[in-house]
Amino acid sequence: MLDSSPRKYVDPSGAYTASHAPLWRRGLAGAIDWGLAGVAYLVALIVAGVFQAVGDAIGGSVDSVVFWISEVAAVGVILAYFTGFLASGHTLGMRALDIHVRSGATGQPPGLGRAFLRSLLGLGFAIGALNAYAYLQGTSPVGELTSVQEAVGRAAVGVVVVAAAGQLWMLADPSGRTVWDRLTGLVVVEDIVPSRMPDRLWAPWRP
């Protein structure tokens, strides 16, 4: 819900008003979060490597099963990080920058369903960015890119362009929301002011 002032968010229950978080603040929060998630992923890879070594020692089909389970589990750490924190209304990066994610329809933290959808979307864009980077380098670790790798690389570049365009849409959106905010029904806000205490901002470490 929007009030008469553009880029201002009003909680549907009337409990608070807020401003939509600017792009730079969201970008910095995202950089912090992906840094933390990346560290968690590397730690998970170390643990996964131990299981993969055991699978390799056993050999056969067990090796392949253990390899894929451990790889999926390592990526799952990233998904769990974002889903868990977004469901509460803040990632650690958002808390550091004092911004909050809310369901646009209720004004409350988004819950696990919306948080998972948004996290899955972000993970897909991140994987696309990594593949696009590898494609733009022009070679793979084993030599020239194959036709399949070329196709995947071109698709990944397209994913990155779409992701960036959807994010930059907030600069033109009258309510300051990205395309991905709208698709997942979320708003990202700052300067939350309780209606009963209009001279006071909510602290960043509170829900």
Protein backbone atom coordinates (compact mmCIF):
# COMPACT_ATOMS: atom_id res chain seq x y z
CA MET A 1 0.00 0.00 0.00
CA LEU A 2 1.31 3.47 -0.87
CA ASP A 3 0.50 6.82 0.65
CA SER A 4 0.25 10.10 -1.27
CA SER A 5 4.04 10.50 -1.20
CA PRO A 6 5.83 8.38 -3.82
CA ARG A 7 8.27 5.75 -2.58
CA LYS A 8 6.65 5.71 0.87
CA TYR A 9 5.24 2.49 2.25
CA VAL A 10 2.35 2.33 4.69
CA ASP A 11 1.76 -0.88 6.61
CA PRO A 12 -1.74 -2.17 5.64
CA SER A 13 -2.64 -2.45 9.33
CA GLY A 14 -1.56 1.16 9.90
CA ALA A 15 1.06 0.16 12.48
CA TYR A 16 3.94 1.97 10.76
CA THR A 17 5.18 3.90 7.76
CA ALA A 18 8.52 3.46 6.02
CA SER A 19 10.60 4.54 3.06
CA HIS A 20 11.60 2.15 0.30
CA ALA A 21 15.29 1.29 0.67
CA PRO A 22 17.51 2.86 -2.03
CA LEU A 23 19.44 0.76 -4.53
CA TRP A 24 22.87 1.51 -3.07
CA ARG A 25 21.83 0.39 0.41
CA ARG A 26 20.29 -2.80 -0.93
CA GLY A 27 23.37 -3.48 -3.04
CA LEU A 28 25.74 -3.07 -0.10
CA ALA A 29 23.59 -5.30 2.10
CA GLY A 30 23.58 -7.89 -0.68
CA ALA A 31 27.38 -7.75 -0.95
CA ILE A 32 27.70 -8.44 2.78
CA ASP A 33 25.23 -11.31 2.60
CA TRP A 34 26.87 -12.96 -0.39
CA GLY A 35 30.25 -12.63 1.30
CA LEU A 36 28.93 -14.41 4.40
CA ALA A 37 27.06 -17.00 2.35
CA GLY A 38 30.21 -17.60 0.30
CA VAL A 39 32.23 -18.32 3.44
CA ALA A 40 29.52 -20.71 4.65
CA TYR A 41 29.57 -22.41 1.24
CA LEU A 42 33.34 -22.89 1.36
CA VAL A 43 33.09 -24.44 4.83
CA ALA A 44 30.32 -26.72 3.55
CA LEU A 45 32.54 -27.70 0.60
CA ILE A 46 35.27 -28.80 3.01
CA VAL A 47 32.81 -31.05 4.83
CA ALA A 48 31.42 -32.25 1.48
CA GLY A 49 34.97 -33.09 0.39
CA VAL A 50 35.33 -35.45 3.34
CA PHE A 51 32.17 -37.31 2.35
CA GLN A 52 33.26 -37.36 -1.29
CA ALA A 53 36.59 -38.90 -0.29
CA VAL A 54 34.72 -41.67 1.53
CA GLY A 55 32.50 -42.21 -1.51
CA ASP A 56 35.53 -42.29 -3.76
CA ALA A 57 37.10 -44.95 -1.58
CA ILE A 58 33.96 -47.07 -1.83
CA GLY A 59 33.69 -46.47 -5.56
CA GLY A 60 30.97 -47.54 -7.97
CA SER A 61 27.53 -45.96 -7.91
CA VAL A 62 28.01 -44.97 -4.26
CA ASP A 63 30.73 -42.53 -5.33
CA SER A 64 28.37 -40.72 -7.75
CA VAL A 65 25.50 -40.61 -5.27
CA VAL A 66 27.67 -39.26 -2.46
CA PHE A 67 29.22 -36.69 -4.81
CA TRP A 68 25.89 -35.23 -5.92
CA ILE A 69 24.33 -35.31 -2.46
CA SER A 70 27.30 -33.47 -0.97
CA GLU A 71 27.32 -30.89 -3.78
CA VAL A 72 23.60 -30.21 -3.41
CA ALA A 73 24.00 -29.98 0.37
CA ALA A 74 26.79 -27.40 -0.02
CA VAL A 75 24.64 -25.23 -2.30
CA GLY A 76 21.76 -25.80 0.11
CA VAL A 77 23.74 -23.97 2.79
CA ILE A 78 23.47 -20.77 0.73
CA LEU A 79 19.75 -21.32 0.19
CA ALA A 80 19.23 -21.99 3.90
CA TYR A 81 21.13 -18.83 4.87
CA PHE A 82 18.98 -16.53 2.78
CA THR A 83 15.69 -18.34 3.40
CA GLY A 84 16.13 -18.43 7.17
CA PHE A 85 17.12 -14.81 7.57
CA LEU A 86 14.70 -13.37 5.00
CA ALA A 87 11.82 -15.19 6.70
CA SER A 88 12.60 -13.22 9.87
CA GLY A 89 12.51 -9.90 8.03
CA HIS A 90 16.27 -9.24 7.89
CA THR A 91 19.39 -10.87 6.55
CA LEU A 92 22.61 -10.03 8.40
CA GLY A 93 23.54 -7.62 5.62
CA MET A 94 20.16 -5.92 5.88
CA ARG A 95 20.55 -5.57 9.62
CA ALA A 96 23.95 -3.96 9.13
CA LEU A 97 22.42 -1.42 6.72
CA ASP A 98 19.20 -1.02 8.78
CA ILE A 99 16.80 -2.18 6.08
CA HIS A 100 13.92 -4.61 6.36
CA VAL A 101 12.06 -6.99 4.04
CA ARG A 102 8.29 -7.28 4.44
CA SER A 103 5.34 -8.84 2.68
CA GLY A 104 3.79 -6.03 0.66
CA ALA A 105 0.29 -7.32 1.38
CA THR A 106 0.57 -7.67 5.16
CA GLY A 107 3.49 -5.48 6.21
CA GLN A 108 4.87 -8.41 8.24
CA PRO A 109 8.03 -10.51 7.73
CA PRO A 110 7.56 -12.62 4.59
CA GLY A 111 7.64 -16.09 6.15
CA LEU A 112 9.36 -19.20 4.84
CA GLY A 113 7.39 -19.59 1.58
CA ARG A 114 8.11 -16.16 0.12
CA ALA A 115 11.61 -16.16 1.59
CA PHE A 116 12.41 -19.47 -0.08
CA LEU A 117 11.08 -18.25 -3.44
CA ARG A 118 13.13 -15.06 -3.25
CA SER A 119 16.22 -16.99 -2.15
CA LEU A 120 15.83 -19.49 -4.98
CA LEU A 121 15.53 -16.64 -7.44
CA GLY A 122 18.67 -14.99 -6.08
CA LEU A 123 20.61 -18.26 -6.16
CA GLY A 124 19.60 -18.78 -9.78
CA PHE A 125 20.86 -15.32 -10.69
CA ALA A 126 24.13 -15.95 -8.84
CA ILE A 127 24.70 -19.23 -10.68
CA GLY A 128 23.91 -17.43 -13.93
CA ALA A 129 26.46 -14.74 -13.10
CA LEU A 130 29.19 -17.31 -12.42
CA ASN A 131 28.46 -19.12 -15.68
CA ALA A 132 28.34 -15.84 -17.60
CA TYR A 133 31.74 -14.86 -16.18
CA ALA A 134 33.25 -18.20 -17.20
CA TYR A 135 31.72 -17.86 -20.68
CA LEU A 136 33.08 -14.35 -21.17
CA GLN A 137 36.57 -15.62 -20.29
CA GLY A 138 36.31 -17.69 -23.45
CA THR A 139 37.78 -20.98 -22.26
CA SER A 140 37.03 -23.81 -19.85
CA PRO A 141 39.58 -25.46 -17.50
CA VAL A 142 40.10 -28.19 -20.14
CA GLY A 143 40.45 -25.97 -23.20
CA GLU A 144 38.08 -24.35 -25.67
CA LEU A 145 34.39 -24.19 -24.87
CA THR A 146 32.21 -26.93 -26.31
CA SER A 147 29.00 -26.13 -28.19
CA VAL A 148 26.98 -27.00 -25.09
CA GLN A 149 29.11 -24.71 -22.93
CA GLU A 150 28.68 -21.95 -25.51
CA ALA A 151 24.90 -22.34 -25.35
CA VAL A 152 24.89 -22.39 -21.55
CA GLY A 153 27.17 -19.33 -21.49
CA ARG A 154 24.95 -17.31 -23.81
CA ALA A 155 21.90 -18.25 -21.75
CA ALA A 156 23.75 -17.24 -18.57
CA VAL A 157 24.59 -13.81 -20.02
CA GLY A 158 20.91 -13.38 -20.84
CA VAL A 159 19.98 -14.32 -17.28
CA VAL A 160 22.38 -11.72 -15.89
CA VAL A 161 20.99 -8.99 -18.18
CA VAL A 162 17.42 -9.84 -17.15
CA ALA A 163 18.39 -9.95 -13.46
CA ALA A 164 20.12 -6.57 -13.61
CA ALA A 165 17.26 -4.96 -15.56
CA GLY A 166 14.75 -6.28 -13.04
CA GLN A 167 16.79 -4.86 -10.17
CA LEU A 168 17.31 -1.47 -11.82
CA TRP A 169 13.58 -1.25 -12.47
CA MET A 170 13.20 0.12 -8.93
CA LEU A 171 14.73 3.42 -10.11
CA ALA A 172 11.69 3.97 -12.34
CA ASP A 173 9.07 2.17 -10.27
CA PRO A 174 6.73 4.65 -8.52
CA SER A 175 6.89 2.61 -5.32
CA GLY A 176 10.62 1.91 -5.47
CA ARG A 177 10.23 -1.86 -5.93
CA THR A 178 12.21 -4.13 -8.23
CA VAL A 179 10.54 -6.53 -10.66
CA TRP A 180 11.59 -9.32 -8.29
CA ASP A 181 9.98 -7.55 -5.34
CA ARG A 182 6.73 -7.45 -7.23
CA LEU A 183 6.91 -11.06 -8.44
CA THR A 184 7.48 -12.31 -4.90
CA GLY A 185 5.13 -9.82 -3.23
CA LEU A 186 7.82 -8.21 -1.11
CA VAL A 187 8.92 -4.71 -0.17
CA VAL A 188 12.35 -3.66 1.13
CA VAL A 189 12.13 -0.64 3.40
CA GLU A 190 14.09 1.58 5.75
CA ASP A 191 13.27 4.23 8.35
CA ILE A 192 10.30 2.36 9.85
CA VAL A 193 8.31 4.78 12.00
CA PRO A 194 5.64 3.32 14.35
CA SER A 195 2.33 5.15 13.98
CA ARG A 196 1.94 5.42 17.76
CA MET A 197 5.44 6.88 18.14
CA PRO A 198 5.99 9.07 15.06
CA ASP A 199 9.17 10.59 16.52
CA ARG A 200 10.92 7.24 16.89
CA LEU A 201 12.51 4.81 14.38
CA TRP A 202 12.55 1.07 14.90
CA ALA A 203 15.97 -0.25 15.87
CA PRO A 204 17.65 -2.35 13.14
CA TRP A 205 18.10 -5.40 15.38
CA ARG A 206 14.45 -5.65 16.33
CA PRO A 207 11.90 -7.63 14.27
